[in-house]
N, C-alpha and C. Protein backbone atom coordinates (compact mmCIF):
# COMPACT_ATOMS: atom_id res chain seq x y z
N MET A 1 0.39 -5.60 -35.33
CA MET A 1 1.43 -6.51 -35.72
C MET A 1 1.36 -7.72 -34.79
N ILE A 2 1.59 -8.89 -35.35
CA ILE A 2 1.64 -10.11 -34.55
C ILE A 2 3.03 -10.72 -34.72
N LYS A 3 3.56 -11.26 -33.64
CA LYS A 3 4.87 -11.91 -33.67
C LYS A 3 4.71 -13.32 -33.16
N ILE A 4 5.32 -14.28 -33.87
CA ILE A 4 5.25 -15.68 -33.50
C ILE A 4 6.67 -16.20 -33.34
N LEU A 5 6.93 -16.81 -32.21
CA LEU A 5 8.23 -17.40 -31.93
C LEU A 5 8.10 -18.91 -32.06
N ALA A 6 8.89 -19.51 -32.94
CA ALA A 6 8.84 -20.96 -33.17
C ALA A 6 10.23 -21.54 -32.94
N HIS A 7 10.27 -22.83 -32.62
CA HIS A 7 11.53 -23.50 -32.33
C HIS A 7 11.58 -24.83 -33.05
N ASP A 8 12.74 -25.17 -33.59
CA ASP A 8 12.97 -26.52 -34.10
C ASP A 8 14.36 -26.95 -33.64
N ASP A 9 14.89 -28.02 -34.20
CA ASP A 9 16.18 -28.57 -33.75
C ASP A 9 17.36 -27.65 -34.08
N GLN A 10 17.18 -26.69 -34.97
CA GLN A 10 18.28 -25.82 -35.35
C GLN A 10 18.26 -24.46 -34.68
N GLY A 11 17.15 -24.12 -34.01
CA GLY A 11 17.10 -22.84 -33.32
C GLY A 11 15.71 -22.26 -33.30
N PHE A 12 15.65 -20.95 -33.01
CA PHE A 12 14.38 -20.23 -32.93
C PHE A 12 14.17 -19.41 -34.20
N TYR A 13 12.90 -19.21 -34.52
CA TYR A 13 12.50 -18.38 -35.65
C TYR A 13 11.49 -17.36 -35.16
N LEU A 14 11.61 -16.14 -35.62
CA LEU A 14 10.65 -15.10 -35.29
C LEU A 14 9.93 -14.69 -36.56
N PHE A 15 8.62 -14.89 -36.58
CA PHE A 15 7.78 -14.52 -37.71
C PHE A 15 6.97 -13.30 -37.30
N THR A 16 6.86 -12.33 -38.18
CA THR A 16 6.03 -11.15 -37.92
C THR A 16 5.08 -10.93 -39.09
N LYS A 17 3.91 -10.40 -38.77
CA LYS A 17 2.93 -10.09 -39.81
C LYS A 17 2.16 -8.86 -39.38
N ARG A 18 1.93 -7.99 -40.35
CA ARG A 18 1.17 -6.76 -40.12
C ARG A 18 0.06 -6.72 -41.16
N LEU A 19 -1.14 -6.42 -40.73
CA LEU A 19 -2.26 -6.29 -41.65
C LEU A 19 -2.26 -4.88 -42.24
N SER A 20 -2.59 -4.78 -43.50
CA SER A 20 -2.64 -3.46 -44.13
C SER A 20 -3.90 -2.70 -43.70
N GLU A 21 -4.96 -3.44 -43.35
CA GLU A 21 -6.20 -2.82 -42.86
C GLU A 21 -6.76 -3.68 -41.73
N GLY A 22 -7.44 -3.05 -40.79
CA GLY A 22 -8.09 -3.77 -39.71
C GLY A 22 -7.12 -4.20 -38.63
N CYS A 23 -7.55 -5.18 -37.84
CA CYS A 23 -6.71 -5.68 -36.75
C CYS A 23 -6.94 -7.18 -36.59
N PHE A 24 -6.03 -7.82 -35.88
CA PHE A 24 -6.13 -9.25 -35.64
C PHE A 24 -7.21 -9.52 -34.59
N ALA A 25 -7.98 -10.58 -34.78
CA ALA A 25 -9.04 -10.98 -33.84
C ALA A 25 -8.43 -11.92 -32.81
N TRP A 26 -7.85 -11.35 -31.75
CA TRP A 26 -7.18 -12.14 -30.74
C TRP A 26 -8.18 -12.59 -29.68
N PRO A 27 -8.11 -13.86 -29.22
CA PRO A 27 -9.04 -14.34 -28.20
C PRO A 27 -8.78 -13.68 -26.85
N THR A 28 -9.82 -13.47 -26.08
CA THR A 28 -9.66 -12.90 -24.75
C THR A 28 -9.56 -14.02 -23.73
N THR A 29 -8.72 -13.82 -22.71
CA THR A 29 -8.56 -14.78 -21.64
C THR A 29 -8.75 -14.06 -20.31
N LYS A 30 -9.15 -14.82 -19.31
CA LYS A 30 -9.38 -14.24 -17.99
C LYS A 30 -8.08 -13.88 -17.27
N ASP A 31 -7.09 -14.74 -17.35
CA ASP A 31 -5.86 -14.53 -16.59
C ASP A 31 -4.65 -14.21 -17.46
N GLN A 32 -4.86 -13.88 -18.74
CA GLN A 32 -3.79 -13.52 -19.66
C GLN A 32 -2.77 -14.65 -19.82
N ALA A 33 -3.22 -15.90 -19.69
CA ALA A 33 -2.34 -17.06 -19.87
C ALA A 33 -2.11 -17.29 -21.36
N ALA A 34 -1.31 -18.27 -21.66
CA ALA A 34 -1.04 -18.62 -23.06
C ALA A 34 -2.32 -19.11 -23.73
N VAL A 35 -2.39 -18.89 -25.02
CA VAL A 35 -3.56 -19.29 -25.80
C VAL A 35 -3.12 -20.38 -26.78
N SER A 36 -3.89 -21.46 -26.84
CA SER A 36 -3.60 -22.54 -27.79
C SER A 36 -4.50 -22.38 -29.01
N LEU A 37 -3.89 -22.47 -30.19
CA LEU A 37 -4.62 -22.35 -31.44
C LEU A 37 -4.38 -23.59 -32.29
N THR A 38 -5.38 -23.99 -33.05
CA THR A 38 -5.18 -25.05 -34.03
C THR A 38 -4.54 -24.45 -35.27
N LYS A 39 -4.08 -25.29 -36.18
CA LYS A 39 -3.50 -24.78 -37.43
C LYS A 39 -4.52 -23.97 -38.20
N ALA A 40 -5.77 -24.44 -38.21
CA ALA A 40 -6.83 -23.73 -38.93
C ALA A 40 -7.09 -22.36 -38.30
N ASP A 41 -7.15 -22.31 -36.95
CA ASP A 41 -7.36 -21.04 -36.25
C ASP A 41 -6.23 -20.06 -36.54
N LEU A 42 -5.00 -20.53 -36.51
CA LEU A 42 -3.84 -19.68 -36.78
C LEU A 42 -3.88 -19.15 -38.21
N SER A 43 -4.24 -19.99 -39.16
CA SER A 43 -4.33 -19.57 -40.54
C SER A 43 -5.36 -18.45 -40.72
N LEU A 44 -6.53 -18.60 -40.10
CA LEU A 44 -7.56 -17.56 -40.18
C LEU A 44 -7.09 -16.28 -39.49
N LEU A 45 -6.46 -16.42 -38.33
CA LEU A 45 -5.95 -15.26 -37.59
C LEU A 45 -4.96 -14.47 -38.44
N LEU A 46 -4.04 -15.15 -39.09
CA LEU A 46 -3.01 -14.48 -39.89
C LEU A 46 -3.57 -13.84 -41.15
N GLU A 47 -4.73 -14.30 -41.60
CA GLU A 47 -5.38 -13.68 -42.76
C GLU A 47 -6.25 -12.50 -42.37
N GLY A 48 -6.40 -12.26 -41.06
CA GLY A 48 -7.20 -11.14 -40.59
C GLY A 48 -8.69 -11.45 -40.50
N ILE A 49 -9.03 -12.74 -40.56
CA ILE A 49 -10.43 -13.17 -40.49
C ILE A 49 -10.81 -13.41 -39.02
N ASP A 50 -11.99 -12.92 -38.61
CA ASP A 50 -12.43 -13.12 -37.23
C ASP A 50 -12.90 -14.57 -37.08
N TRP A 51 -12.08 -15.41 -36.52
CA TRP A 51 -12.34 -16.85 -36.39
C TRP A 51 -13.06 -17.21 -35.10
N ARG A 52 -13.22 -16.24 -34.21
CA ARG A 52 -13.87 -16.54 -32.93
C ARG A 52 -15.31 -16.82 -33.18
């Protein structure tokens, strides 16, 4: 399951998505810092496609 927290002028939104098969291809980081994704990368990630 992946959870995304977004904010706009009216408040916060929590989006969740679970894949029926497989797992999300999450990027690895050395220091577990925040990861920046482009809109295209996020779209592929949410579809369960390995975008790395």
